[in-house]
Amino acid sequence: MVDNLMPDFVVCNQIFATLPSTKIINHMNDLQYTIEDNKLFESIADIAFMAGQRGFCSGDSRSDVAEFIKWGKEFEDIHEDTDWDEVDYVETIEAFMNTKLRIDMQLTT
């Protein structure tokens, strides 16, 4: 199957090679995020990681991702004024996830 992808990869490289000498910029590295955005992204990543570790899966990955985003926003709203130098972030988000997964598991059974 990988062999089938290789010709497309080669064709794309050939197309780029024929373009005029313009800079192709990786815009992802140029995106600017606020501190709040980064905190939310970190929370969502931690929530998804913990859910995966605990075997959470509804069978609908898009629904699960939407739920993780919702939980991340909720966590950040609850802890908007939390001083993470005084409160352990990992323990706090683990407690949050324990509650969320317990509630969600009860709703699905």
PDB file of N, CA and C in Angstrom:
ATOM      1  N   MET A   1       0.817  -1.190   0.000  1.00  0.00           N
ATOM      2  CA  MET A   1       0.000   0.000   0.000  1.00  0.00           C
ATOM      3  C   MET A   1       0.868   1.264   0.000  1.00  0.00           C
ATOM      4  N   VAL A   2       1.969   1.244   0.724  1.00  0.00           N
ATOM      5  CA  VAL A   2       2.877   2.383   0.740  1.00  0.00           C
ATOM      6  C   VAL A   2       3.436   2.621  -0.650  1.00  0.00           C
ATOM      7  N   ASP A   3       3.708   1.544  -1.395  1.00  0.00           N
ATOM      8  CA  ASP A   3       4.229   1.676  -2.747  1.00  0.00           C
ATOM      9  C   ASP A   3       3.264   2.458  -3.640  1.00  0.00           C
ATOM     10  N   ASN A   4       1.945   2.291  -3.403  1.00  0.00           N
ATOM     11  CA  ASN A   4       0.960   3.014  -4.193  1.00  0.00           C
ATOM     12  C   ASN A   4       1.001   4.511  -3.913  1.00  0.00           C
ATOM     13  N   LEU A   5       1.420   4.910  -2.733  1.00  0.00           N
ATOM     14  CA  LEU A   5       1.495   6.316  -2.380  1.00  0.00           C
ATOM     15  C   LEU A   5       2.745   6.972  -2.953  1.00  0.00           C
ATOM     16  N   MET A   6       3.775   6.205  -3.160  1.00  0.00           N
ATOM     17  CA  MET A   6       5.055   6.746  -3.586  1.00  0.00           C
ATOM     18  C   MET A   6       4.968   7.516  -4.905  1.00  0.00           C
ATOM     19  N   PRO A   7       4.270   7.009  -5.950  1.00  0.00           N
ATOM     20  CA  PRO A   7       4.212   7.777  -7.196  1.00  0.00           C
ATOM     21  C   PRO A   7       3.617   9.172  -6.989  1.00  0.00           C
ATOM     22  N   ASP A   8       2.574   9.304  -6.165  1.00  0.00           N
ATOM     23  CA  ASP A   8       1.982  10.616  -5.894  1.00  0.00           C
ATOM     24  C   ASP A   8       2.988  11.528  -5.220  1.00  0.00           C
ATOM     25  N   PHE A   9       3.758  10.979  -4.301  1.00  0.00           N
ATOM     26  CA  PHE A   9       4.781  11.747  -3.612  1.00  0.00           C
ATOM     27  C   PHE A   9       5.821  12.259  -4.606  1.00  0.00           C
ATOM     28  N   VAL A  10       6.248  11.387  -5.512  1.00  0.00           N
ATOM     29  CA  VAL A  10       7.242  11.757  -6.527  1.00  0.00           C
ATOM     30  C   VAL A  10       6.669  12.829  -7.445  1.00  0.00           C
ATOM     31  N   VAL A  11       5.418  12.674  -7.863  1.00  0.00           N
ATOM     32  CA  VAL A  11       4.773  13.665  -8.735  1.00  0.00           C
ATOM     33  C   VAL A  11       4.711  15.018  -8.047  1.00  0.00           C
ATOM     34  N   CYS A  12       4.337  15.038  -6.765  1.00  0.00           N
ATOM     35  CA  CYS A  12       4.269  16.299  -6.020  1.00  0.00           C
ATOM     36  C   CYS A  12       5.644  16.948  -5.961  1.00  0.00           C
ATOM     37  N   ASN A  13       6.666  16.171  -5.693  1.00  0.00           N
ATOM     38  CA  ASN A  13       8.024  16.721  -5.651  1.00  0.00           C
ATOM     39  C   ASN A  13       8.431  17.274  -7.006  1.00  0.00           C
ATOM     40  N   GLN A  14       8.037  16.602  -8.080  1.00  0.00           N
ATOM     41  CA  GLN A  14       8.364  17.087  -9.422  1.00  0.00           C
ATOM     42  C   GLN A  14       7.648  18.399  -9.713  1.00  0.00           C
ATOM     43  N   ILE A  15       6.406  18.515  -9.264  1.00  0.00           N
ATOM     44  CA  ILE A  15       5.648  19.758  -9.453  1.00  0.00           C
ATOM     45  C   ILE A  15       6.333  20.895  -8.707  1.00  0.00           C
ATOM     46  N   PHE A  16       6.704  20.664  -7.434  1.00  0.00           N
ATOM     47  CA  PHE A  16       7.383  21.697  -6.663  1.00  0.00           C
ATOM     48  C   PHE A  16       8.710  22.087  -7.297  1.00  0.00           C
ATOM     49  N   ALA A  17       9.389  21.119  -7.883  1.00  0.00           N
ATOM     50  CA  ALA A  17      10.688  21.392  -8.501  1.00  0.00           C
ATOM     51  C   ALA A  17      10.547  22.292  -9.719  1.00  0.00           C
ATOM     52  N   THR A  18       9.380  22.259 -10.396  1.00  0.00           N
ATOM     53  CA  THR A  18       9.187  23.076 -11.585  1.00  0.00           C
ATOM     54  C   THR A  18       8.659  24.472 -11.271  1.00  0.00           C
ATOM     55  N   LEU A  19       8.277  24.725 -10.030  1.00  0.00           N
ATOM     56  CA  LEU A  19       7.772  26.050  -9.658  1.00  0.00           C
ATOM     57  C   LEU A  19       8.891  27.074  -9.718  1.00  0.00           C
ATOM     58  N   PRO A  20       8.539  28.329 -10.001  1.00  0.00           N
ATOM     59  CA  PRO A  20       9.564  29.367  -9.954  1.00  0.00           C
ATOM     60  C   PRO A  20      10.203  29.399  -8.567  1.00  0.00           C
ATOM     61  N   SER A  21      11.387  29.920  -8.487  1.00  0.00           N
ATOM     62  CA  SER A  21      12.105  29.891  -7.210  1.00  0.00           C
ATOM     63  C   SER A  21      11.468  30.865  -6.220  1.00  0.00           C
ATOM     64  N   THR A  22      10.380  30.430  -5.639  1.00  0.00           N
ATOM     65  CA  THR A  22       9.721  31.194  -4.587  1.00  0.00           C
ATOM     66  C   THR A  22       9.870  30.411  -3.309  1.00  0.00           C
ATOM     67  N   LYS A  23       9.799  31.138  -2.227  1.00  0.00           N
ATOM     68  CA  LYS A  23       9.919  30.469  -0.929  1.00  0.00           C
ATOM     69  C   LYS A  23       8.603  29.782  -0.595  1.00  0.00           C
ATOM     70  N   ILE A  24       8.701  28.539  -0.218  1.00  0.00           N
ATOM     71  CA  ILE A  24       7.547  27.821   0.301  1.00  0.00           C
ATOM     72  C   ILE A  24       7.673  27.891   1.811  1.00  0.00           C
ATOM     73  N   ILE A  25       6.753  28.597   2.421  1.00  0.00           N
ATOM     74  CA  ILE A  25       6.839  28.863   3.849  1.00  0.00           C
ATOM     75  C   ILE A  25       5.946  27.900   4.608  1.00  0.00           C
ATOM     76  N   ASN A  26       6.468  27.358   5.666  1.00  0.00           N
ATOM     77  CA  ASN A  26       5.668  26.524   6.549  1.00  0.00           C
ATOM     78  C   ASN A  26       4.881  27.457   7.463  1.00  0.00           C
ATOM     79  N   HIS A  27       3.648  27.729   7.103  1.00  0.00           N
ATOM     80  CA  HIS A  27       2.844  28.698   7.838  1.00  0.00           C
ATOM     81  C   HIS A  27       2.459  28.220   9.230  1.00  0.00           C
ATOM     82  N   MET A  28       2.479  26.928   9.457  1.00  0.00           N
ATOM     83  CA  MET A  28       2.118  26.418  10.780  1.00  0.00           C
ATOM     84  C   MET A  28       3.031  27.002  11.848  1.00  0.00           C
ATOM     85  N   ASN A  29       4.320  27.141  11.533  1.00  0.00           N
ATOM     86  CA  ASN A  29       5.251  27.689  12.509  1.00  0.00           C
ATOM     87  C   ASN A  29       5.075  29.189  12.683  1.00  0.00           C
ATOM     88  N   ASP A  30       4.391  29.830  11.760  1.00  0.00           N
ATOM     89  CA  ASP A  30       4.201  31.271  11.817  1.00  0.00           C
ATOM     90  C   ASP A  30       2.937  31.671  12.592  1.00  0.00           C
ATOM     91  N   LEU A  31       2.082  30.704  12.898  1.00  0.00           N
ATOM     92  CA  LEU A  31       0.845  31.023  13.608  1.00  0.00           C
ATOM     93  C   LEU A  31       1.151  31.501  15.014  1.00  0.00           C
ATOM     94  N   GLN A  32       0.457  32.516  15.403  1.00  0.00           N
ATOM     95  CA  GLN A  32       0.657  33.058  16.738  1.00  0.00           C
ATOM     96  C   GLN A  32      -0.556  32.694  17.591  1.00  0.00           C
ATOM     97  N   TYR A  33      -0.278  32.147  18.745  1.00  0.00           N
ATOM     98  CA  TYR A  33      -1.336  31.762  19.659  1.00  0.00           C
ATOM     99  C   TYR A  33      -1.208  32.572  20.934  1.00  0.00           C
ATOM    100  N   THR A  34      -2.336  32.787  21.579  1.00  0.00           N
ATOM    101  CA  THR A  34      -2.305  33.467  22.866  1.00  0.00           C
ATOM    102  C   THR A  34      -1.958  32.459  23.952  1.00  0.00           C
ATOM    103  N   ILE A  35      -1.637  32.945  25.107  1.00  0.00           N
ATOM    104  CA  ILE A  35      -1.369  32.070  26.248  1.00  0.00           C
ATOM    105  C   ILE A  35      -2.606  31.231  26.539  1.00  0.00           C
ATOM    106  N   GLU A  36      -3.790  31.839  26.438  1.00  0.00           N
ATOM    107  CA  GLU A  36      -5.035  31.105  26.684  1.00  0.00           C
ATOM    108  C   GLU A  36      -5.214  29.981  25.676  1.00  0.00           C
ATOM    109  N   ASP A  37      -4.874  30.238  24.410  1.00  0.00           N
ATOM    110  CA  ASP A  37      -4.953  29.187  23.383  1.00  0.00           C
ATOM    111  C   ASP A  37      -4.043  28.027  23.751  1.00  0.00           C
ATOM    112  N   ASN A  38      -2.818  28.335  24.108  1.00  0.00           N
ATOM    113  CA  ASN A  38      -1.858  27.285  24.445  1.00  0.00           C
ATOM    114  C   ASN A  38      -2.298  26.492  25.658  1.00  0.00           C
ATOM    115  N   LYS A  39      -2.871  27.162  26.655  1.00  0.00           N
ATOM    116  CA  LYS A  39      -3.372  26.458  27.833  1.00  0.00           C
ATOM    117  C   LYS A  39      -4.501  25.514  27.433  1.00  0.00           C
ATOM    118  N   LEU A  40      -5.393  25.983  26.569  1.00  0.00           N
ATOM    119  CA  LEU A  40      -6.500  25.145  26.107  1.00  0.00           C
ATOM    120  C   LEU A  40      -5.980  23.958  25.313  1.00  0.00           C
ATOM    121  N   PHE A  41      -5.038  24.192  24.403  1.00  0.00           N
ATOM    122  CA  PHE A  41      -4.468  23.095  23.609  1.00  0.00           C
ATOM    123  C   PHE A  41      -3.831  22.047  24.510  1.00  0.00           C
ATOM    124  N   GLU A  42      -3.101  22.512  25.525  1.00  0.00           N
ATOM    125  CA  GLU A  42      -2.454  21.574  26.453  1.00  0.00           C
ATOM    126  C   GLU A  42      -3.498  20.762  27.212  1.00  0.00           C
ATOM    127  N   SER A  43      -4.541  21.420  27.664  1.00  0.00           N
ATOM    128  CA  SER A  43      -5.601  20.708  28.388  1.00  0.00           C
ATOM    129  C   SER A  43      -6.271  19.672  27.505  1.00  0.00           C
ATOM    130  N   ILE A  44      -6.583  20.044  26.273  1.00  0.00           N
ATOM    131  CA  ILE A  44      -7.223  19.099  25.352  1.00  0.00           C
ATOM    132  C   ILE A  44      -6.304  17.911  25.089  1.00  0.00           C
ATOM    133  N   ALA A  45      -5.026  18.183  24.879  1.00  0.00           N
ATOM    134  CA  ALA A  45      -4.068  17.092  24.635  1.00  0.00           C
ATOM    135  C   ALA A  45      -3.982  16.170  25.845  1.00  0.00           C
ATOM    136  N   ASP A  46      -3.917  16.747  27.048  1.00  0.00           N
ATOM    137  CA  ASP A  46      -3.841  15.931  28.266  1.00  0.00           C
ATOM    138  C   ASP A  46      -5.111  15.114  28.459  1.00  0.00           C
ATOM    139  N   ILE A  47      -6.248  15.729  28.197  1.00  0.00           N
ATOM    140  CA  ILE A  47      -7.531  15.034  28.339  1.00  0.00           C
ATOM    141  C   ILE A  47      -7.615  13.872  27.351  1.00  0.00           C
ATOM    142  N   ALA A  48      -7.256  14.108  26.103  1.00  0.00           N
ATOM    143  CA  ALA A  48      -7.291  13.037  25.094  1.00  0.00           C
ATOM    144  C   ALA A  48      -6.326  11.916  25.458  1.00  0.00           C
ATOM    145  N   PHE A  49      -5.142  12.281  25.934  1.00  0.00           N
ATOM    146  CA  PHE A  49      -4.147  11.286  26.325  1.00  0.00           C
ATOM    147  C   PHE A  49      -4.669  10.422  27.473  1.00  0.00           C
ATOM    148  N   MET A  50      -5.212  11.077  28.513  1.00  0.00           N
ATOM    149  CA  MET A  50      -5.719  10.335  29.674  1.00  0.00           C
ATOM    150  C   MET A  50      -6.910   9.463  29.303  1.00  0.00           C
ATOM    151  N   ALA A  51      -7.782   9.981  28.455  1.00  0.00           N
ATOM    152  CA  ALA A  51      -8.945   9.189  28.025  1.00  0.00           C
ATOM    153  C   ALA A  51      -8.481   7.950  27.274  1.00  0.00           C
ATOM    154  N   GLY A  52      -7.492   8.121  26.412  1.00  0.00           N
ATOM    155  CA  GLY A  52      -6.946   6.982  25.672  1.00  0.00           C
ATOM    156  C   GLY A  52      -6.292   5.966  26.584  1.00  0.00           C
ATOM    157  N   GLN A  53      -5.549   6.455  27.574  1.00  0.00           N
ATOM    158  CA  GLN A  53      -4.910   5.553  28.538  1.00  0.00           C
ATOM    159  C   GLN A  53      -5.936   4.716  29.271  1.00  0.00           C
ATOM    160  N   ARG A  54      -7.091   5.301  29.524  1.00  0.00           N
ATOM    161  CA  ARG A  54      -8.123   4.610  30.305  1.00  0.00           C
ATOM    162  C   ARG A  54      -9.113   3.862  29.426  1.00  0.00           C
ATOM    163  N   GLY A  55      -8.825   3.808  28.140  1.00  0.00           N
ATOM    164  CA  GLY A  55      -9.654   3.019  27.241  1.00  0.00           C
ATOM    165  C   GLY A  55     -10.974   3.656  26.855  1.00  0.00           C
ATOM    166  N   PHE A  56     -11.097   4.964  27.038  1.00  0.00           N
ATOM    167  CA  PHE A  56     -12.333   5.639  26.660  1.00  0.00           C
ATOM    168  C   PHE A  56     -12.457   5.668  25.147  1.00  0.00           C
ATOM    169  N   CYS A  57     -13.563   5.149  24.645  1.00  0.00           N
ATOM    170  CA  CYS A  57     -13.829   5.184  23.210  1.00  0.00           C
ATOM    171  C   CYS A  57     -15.312   4.906  23.003  1.00  0.00           C
ATOM    172  N   SER A  58     -16.003   5.869  22.405  1.00  0.00           N
ATOM    173  CA  SER A  58     -17.435   5.696  22.173  1.00  0.00           C
ATOM    174  C   SER A  58     -17.702   4.896  20.898  1.00  0.00           C
ATOM    175  N   GLY A  59     -16.661   4.751  20.072  1.00  0.00           N
ATOM    176  CA  GLY A  59     -16.845   4.125  18.773  1.00  0.00           C
ATOM    177  C   GLY A  59     -16.997   5.156  17.669  1.00  0.00           C
ATOM    178  N   ASP A  60     -17.128   6.417  18.050  1.00  0.00           N
ATOM    179  CA  ASP A  60     -17.250   7.522  17.096  1.00  0.00           C
ATOM    180  C   ASP A  60     -16.145   8.524  17.411  1.00  0.00           C
ATOM    181  N   SER A  61     -15.040   8.455  16.688  1.00  0.00           N
ATOM    182  CA  SER A  61     -13.873   9.284  17.014  1.00  0.00           C
ATOM    183  C   SER A  61     -14.178  10.773  16.924  1.00  0.00           C
ATOM    184  N   ARG A  62     -15.006  11.183  15.983  1.00  0.00           N
ATOM    185  CA  ARG A  62     -15.341  12.613  15.848  1.00  0.00           C
ATOM    186  C   ARG A  62     -16.125  13.089  17.061  1.00  0.00           C
ATOM    187  N   SER A  63     -17.010  12.259  17.554  1.00  0.00           N
ATOM    188  CA  SER A  63     -17.768  12.589  18.752  1.00  0.00           C
ATOM    189  C   SER A  63     -16.844  12.671  19.968  1.00  0.00           C
ATOM    190  N   ASP A  64     -15.897  11.729  20.051  1.00  0.00           N
ATOM    191  CA  ASP A  64     -14.939  11.736  21.166  1.00  0.00           C
ATOM    192  C   ASP A  64     -14.087  13.001  21.135  1.00  0.00           C
ATOM    193  N   VAL A  65     -13.584  13.373  19.964  1.00  0.00           N
ATOM    194  CA  VAL A  65     -12.760  14.578  19.849  1.00  0.00           C
ATOM    195  C   VAL A  65     -13.567  15.805  20.252  1.00  0.00           C
ATOM    196  N   ALA A  66     -14.807  15.900  19.801  1.00  0.00           N
ATOM    197  CA  ALA A  66     -15.668  17.031  20.170  1.00  0.00           C
ATOM    198  C   ALA A  66     -15.864  17.071  21.684  1.00  0.00           C
ATOM    199  N   GLU A  67     -16.007  15.904  22.290  1.00  0.00           N
ATOM    200  CA  GLU A  67     -16.177  15.830  23.741  1.00  0.00           C
ATOM    201  C   GLU A  67     -14.900  16.282  24.459  1.00  0.00           C
ATOM    202  N   PHE A  68     -13.737  15.868  23.965  1.00  0.00           N
ATOM    203  CA  PHE A  68     -12.472  16.275  24.586  1.00  0.00           C
ATOM    204  C   PHE A  68     -12.281  17.784  24.496  1.00  0.00           C
ATOM    205  N   ILE A  69     -12.662  18.374  23.378  1.00  0.00           N
ATOM    206  CA  ILE A  69     -12.559  19.825  23.222  1.00  0.00           C
ATOM    207  C   ILE A  69     -13.490  20.517  24.210  1.00  0.00           C
ATOM    208  N   LYS A  70     -14.712  19.994  24.324  1.00  0.00           N
ATOM    209  CA  LYS A  70     -15.682  20.558  25.272  1.00  0.00           C
ATOM    210  C   LYS A  70     -15.155  20.458  26.700  1.00  0.00           C
ATOM    211  N   TRP A  71     -14.591  19.304  27.059  1.00  0.00           N
ATOM    212  CA  TRP A  71     -14.037  19.122  28.402  1.00  0.00           C
ATOM    213  C   TRP A  71     -12.851  20.048  28.634  1.00  0.00           C
ATOM    214  N   GLY A  72     -12.010  20.225  27.609  1.00  0.00           N
ATOM    215  CA  GLY A  72     -10.864  21.130  27.736  1.00  0.00           C
ATOM    216  C   GLY A  72     -11.311  22.548  28.013  1.00  0.00           C
ATOM    217  N   LYS A  73     -12.330  23.001  27.284  1.00  0.00           N
ATOM    218  CA  LYS A  73     -12.868  24.349  27.501  1.00  0.00           C
ATOM    219  C   LYS A  73     -13.455  24.460  28.910  1.00  0.00           C
ATOM    220  N   GLU A  74     -14.176  23.442  29.332  1.00  0.00           N
ATOM    221  CA  GLU A  74     -14.766  23.440  30.671  1.00  0.00           C
ATOM    222  C   GLU A  74     -13.677  23.500  31.747  1.00  0.00           C
ATOM    223  N   PHE A  75     -12.632  22.689  31.582  1.00  0.00           N
ATOM    224  CA  PHE A  75     -11.524  22.674  32.536  1.00  0.00           C
ATOM    225  C   PHE A  75     -10.877  24.050  32.617  1.00  0.00           C
ATOM    226  N   GLU A  76     -10.635  24.666  31.467  1.00  0.00           N
ATOM    227  CA  GLU A  76      -9.996  25.989  31.455  1.00  0.00           C
ATOM    228  C   GLU A  76     -10.912  27.047  32.063  1.00  0.00           C
ATOM    229  N   ASP A  77     -12.215  26.949  31.836  1.00  0.00           N
ATOM    230  CA  ASP A  77     -13.153  27.903  32.443  1.00  0.00           C
ATOM    231  C   ASP A  77     -13.142  27.780  33.964  1.00  0.00           C
ATOM    232  N   ILE A  78     -13.171  26.535  34.449  1.00  0.00           N
ATOM    233  CA  ILE A  78     -13.162  26.293  35.895  1.00  0.00           C
ATOM    234  C   ILE A  78     -11.876  26.835  36.518  1.00  0.00           C
ATOM    235  N   HIS A  79     -10.761  26.672  35.812  1.00  0.00           N
ATOM    236  CA  HIS A  79      -9.447  27.004  36.384  1.00  0.00           C
ATOM    237  C   HIS A  79      -8.842  28.270  35.794  1.00  0.00           C
ATOM    238  N   GLU A  80      -9.711  29.158  35.328  1.00  0.00           N
ATOM    239  CA  GLU A  80      -9.244  30.404  34.722  1.00  0.00           C
ATOM    240  C   GLU A  80      -8.314  31.189  35.646  1.00  0.00           C
ATOM    241  N   ASP A  81      -8.620  31.214  36.929  1.00  0.00           N
ATOM    242  CA  ASP A  81      -7.829  31.995  37.884  1.00  0.00           C
ATOM    243  C   ASP A  81      -6.922  31.137  38.755  1.00  0.00           C
ATOM    244  N   THR A  82      -6.778  29.863  38.427  1.00  0.00           N
ATOM    245  CA  THR A  82      -5.938  28.974  39.223  1.00  0.00           C
ATOM    246  C   THR A  82      -4.471  29.334  39.037  1.00  0.00           C
ATOM    247  N   ASP A  83      -3.757  29.417  40.138  1.00  0.00           N
ATOM    248  CA  ASP A  83      -2.309  29.659  40.103  1.00  0.00           C
ATOM    249  C   ASP A  83      -1.623  28.303  40.089  1.00  0.00           C
ATOM    250  N   TRP A  84      -1.129  27.891  38.913  1.00  0.00           N
ATOM    251  CA  TRP A  84      -0.543  26.567  38.770  1.00  0.00           C
ATOM    252  C   TRP A  84       0.809  26.444  39.475  1.00  0.00           C
ATOM    253  N   ASP A  85       1.322  27.533  39.975  1.00  0.00           N
ATOM    254  CA  ASP A  85       2.526  27.449  40.810  1.00  0.00           C
ATOM    255  C   ASP A  85       2.169  26.982  42.222  1.00  0.00           C
ATOM    256  N   GLU A  86       0.888  27.138  42.569  1.00  0.00           N
ATOM    257  CA  GLU A  86       0.427  26.739  43.909  1.00  0.00           C
ATOM    258  C   GLU A  86      -0.392  25.451  43.890  1.00  0.00           C
ATOM    259  N   VAL A  87      -0.967  25.122  42.743  1.00  0.00           N
ATOM    260  CA  VAL A  87      -1.830  23.949  42.607  1.00  0.00           C
ATOM    261  C   VAL A  87      -1.192  23.011  41.590  1.00  0.00           C
ATOM    262  N   ASP A  88      -1.178  21.721  41.900  1.00  0.00           N
ATOM    263  CA  ASP A  88      -0.585  20.744  40.993  1.00  0.00           C
ATOM    264  C   ASP A  88      -1.521  20.507  39.806  1.00  0.00           C
ATOM    265  N   TYR A  89      -1.056  20.907  38.623  1.00  0.00           N
ATOM    266  CA  TYR A  89      -1.860  20.798  37.405  1.00  0.00           C
ATOM    267  C   TYR A  89      -2.225  19.350  37.092  1.00  0.00           C
ATOM    268  N   VAL A  90      -1.239  18.456  37.139  1.00  0.00           N
ATOM    269  CA  VAL A  90      -1.474  17.062  36.754  1.00  0.00           C
ATOM    270  C   VAL A  90      -2.514  16.419  37.671  1.00  0.00           C
ATOM    271  N   GLU A  91      -2.371  16.612  38.975  1.00  0.00           N
ATOM    272  CA  GLU A  91      -3.358  16.048  39.909  1.00  0.00           C
ATOM    273  C   GLU A  91      -4.745  16.623  39.647  1.00  0.00           C
ATOM    274  N   THR A  92      -4.807  17.910  39.333  1.00  0.00           N
ATOM    275  CA  THR A  92      -6.090  18.583  39.119  1.00  0.00           C
ATOM    276  C   THR A  92      -6.776  18.081  37.857  1.00  0.00           C
ATOM    277  N   ILE A  93      -6.030  17.963  36.765  1.00  0.00           N
ATOM    278  CA  ILE A  93      -6.662  17.510  35.523  1.00  0.00           C
ATOM    279  C   ILE A  93      -6.991  16.014  35.602  1.00  0.00           C
ATOM    280  N   GLU A  94      -6.193  15.243  36.347  1.00  0.00           N
ATOM    281  CA  GLU A  94      -6.527  13.825  36.545  1.00  0.00           C
ATOM    282  C   GLU A  94      -7.823  13.683  37.344  1.00  0.00           C
ATOM    283  N   ALA A  95      -7.994  14.501  38.378  1.00  0.00           N
ATOM    284  CA  ALA A  95      -9.237  14.465  39.166  1.00  0.00           C
ATOM    285  C   ALA A  95     -10.427  14.863  38.290  1.00  0.00           C
ATOM    286  N   PHE A  96     -10.241  15.879  37.471  1.00  0.00           N
ATOM    287  CA  PHE A  96     -11.280  16.325  36.540  1.00  0.00           C
ATOM    288  C   PHE A  96     -11.658  15.179  35.605  1.00  0.00           C
ATOM    289  N   MET A  97     -10.649  14.508  35.049  1.00  0.00           N
ATOM    290  CA  MET A  97     -10.907  13.412  34.126  1.00  0.00           C
ATOM    291  C   MET A  97     -11.550  12.217  34.824  1.00  0.00           C
ATOM    292  N   ASN A  98     -11.143  11.933  36.040  1.00  0.00           N
ATOM    293  CA  ASN A  98     -11.782  10.836  36.780  1.00  0.00           C
ATOM    294  C   ASN A  98     -13.276  11.087  36.900  1.00  0.00           C
ATOM    295  N   THR A  99     -13.638  12.331  37.196  1.00  0.00           N
ATOM    296  CA  THR A  99     -15.057  12.690  37.317  1.00  0.00           C
ATOM    297  C   THR A  99     -15.749  12.578  35.966  1.00  0.00           C
ATOM    298  N   LYS A 100     -15.148  13.129  34.926  1.00  0.00           N
ATOM    299  CA  LYS A 100     -15.759  13.103  33.593  1.00  0.00           C
ATOM    300  C   LYS A 100     -15.948  11.674  33.097  1.00  0.00           C
ATOM    301  N   LEU A 101     -14.925  10.861  33.232  1.00  0.00           N
ATOM    302  CA  LEU A 101     -15.030   9.492  32.731  1.00  0.00           C
ATOM    303  C   LEU A 101     -16.013   8.665  33.547  1.00  0.00           C
ATOM    304  N   ARG A 102     -16.070   8.903  34.828  1.00  0.00           N
ATOM    305  CA  ARG A 102     -17.029   8.195  35.679  1.00  0.00           C
ATOM    306  C   ARG A 102     -18.451   8.561  35.259  1.00  0.00           C
ATOM    307  N   ILE A 103     -18.719   9.847  35.063  1.00  0.00           N
ATOM    308  CA  ILE A 103     -20.048  10.294  34.655  1.00  0.00           C
ATOM    309  C   ILE A 103     -20.380   9.752  33.274  1.00  0.00           C
ATOM    310  N   ASP A 104     -19.439   9.847  32.347  1.00  0.00           N
ATOM    311  CA  ASP A 104     -19.684   9.405  30.983  1.00  0.00           C
ATOM    312  C   ASP A 104     -19.924   7.898  30.932  1.00  0.00           C
ATOM    313  N   MET A 105     -19.162   7.135  31.694  1.00  0.00           N
ATOM    314  CA  MET A 105     -19.341   5.676  31.710  1.00  0.00           C
ATOM    315  C   MET A 105     -20.715   5.307  32.263  1.00  0.00           C
ATOM    316  N   GLN A 106     -21.201   6.065  33.250  1.00  0.00           N
ATOM    317  CA  GLN A 106     -22.517   5.791  33.814  1.00  0.00           C
ATOM    318  C   GLN A 106     -23.612   6.097  32.798  1.00  0.00           C
ATOM    319  N   LEU A 107     -23.405   7.138  31.974  1.00  0.00           N
ATOM    320  CA  LEU A 107     -24.396   7.517  30.985  1.00  0.00           C
ATOM    321  C   LEU A 107     -24.486   6.506  29.848  1.00  0.00           C
ATOM    322  N   THR A 108     -23.375   5.817  29.571  1.00  0.00           N
ATOM    323  CA  THR A 108     -23.362   4.875  28.444  1.00  0.00           C
ATOM    324  C   THR A 108     -23.768   3.471  28.848  1.00  0.00           C
ATOM    325  N   THR A 109     -23.894   3.193  30.137  1.00  0.00           N
ATOM    326  CA  THR A 109     -24.276   1.846  30.548  1.00  0.00           C
ATOM    327  C   THR A 109     -25.758   1.755  30.851  1.00  0.00           C
TER     328      THR A 109
END
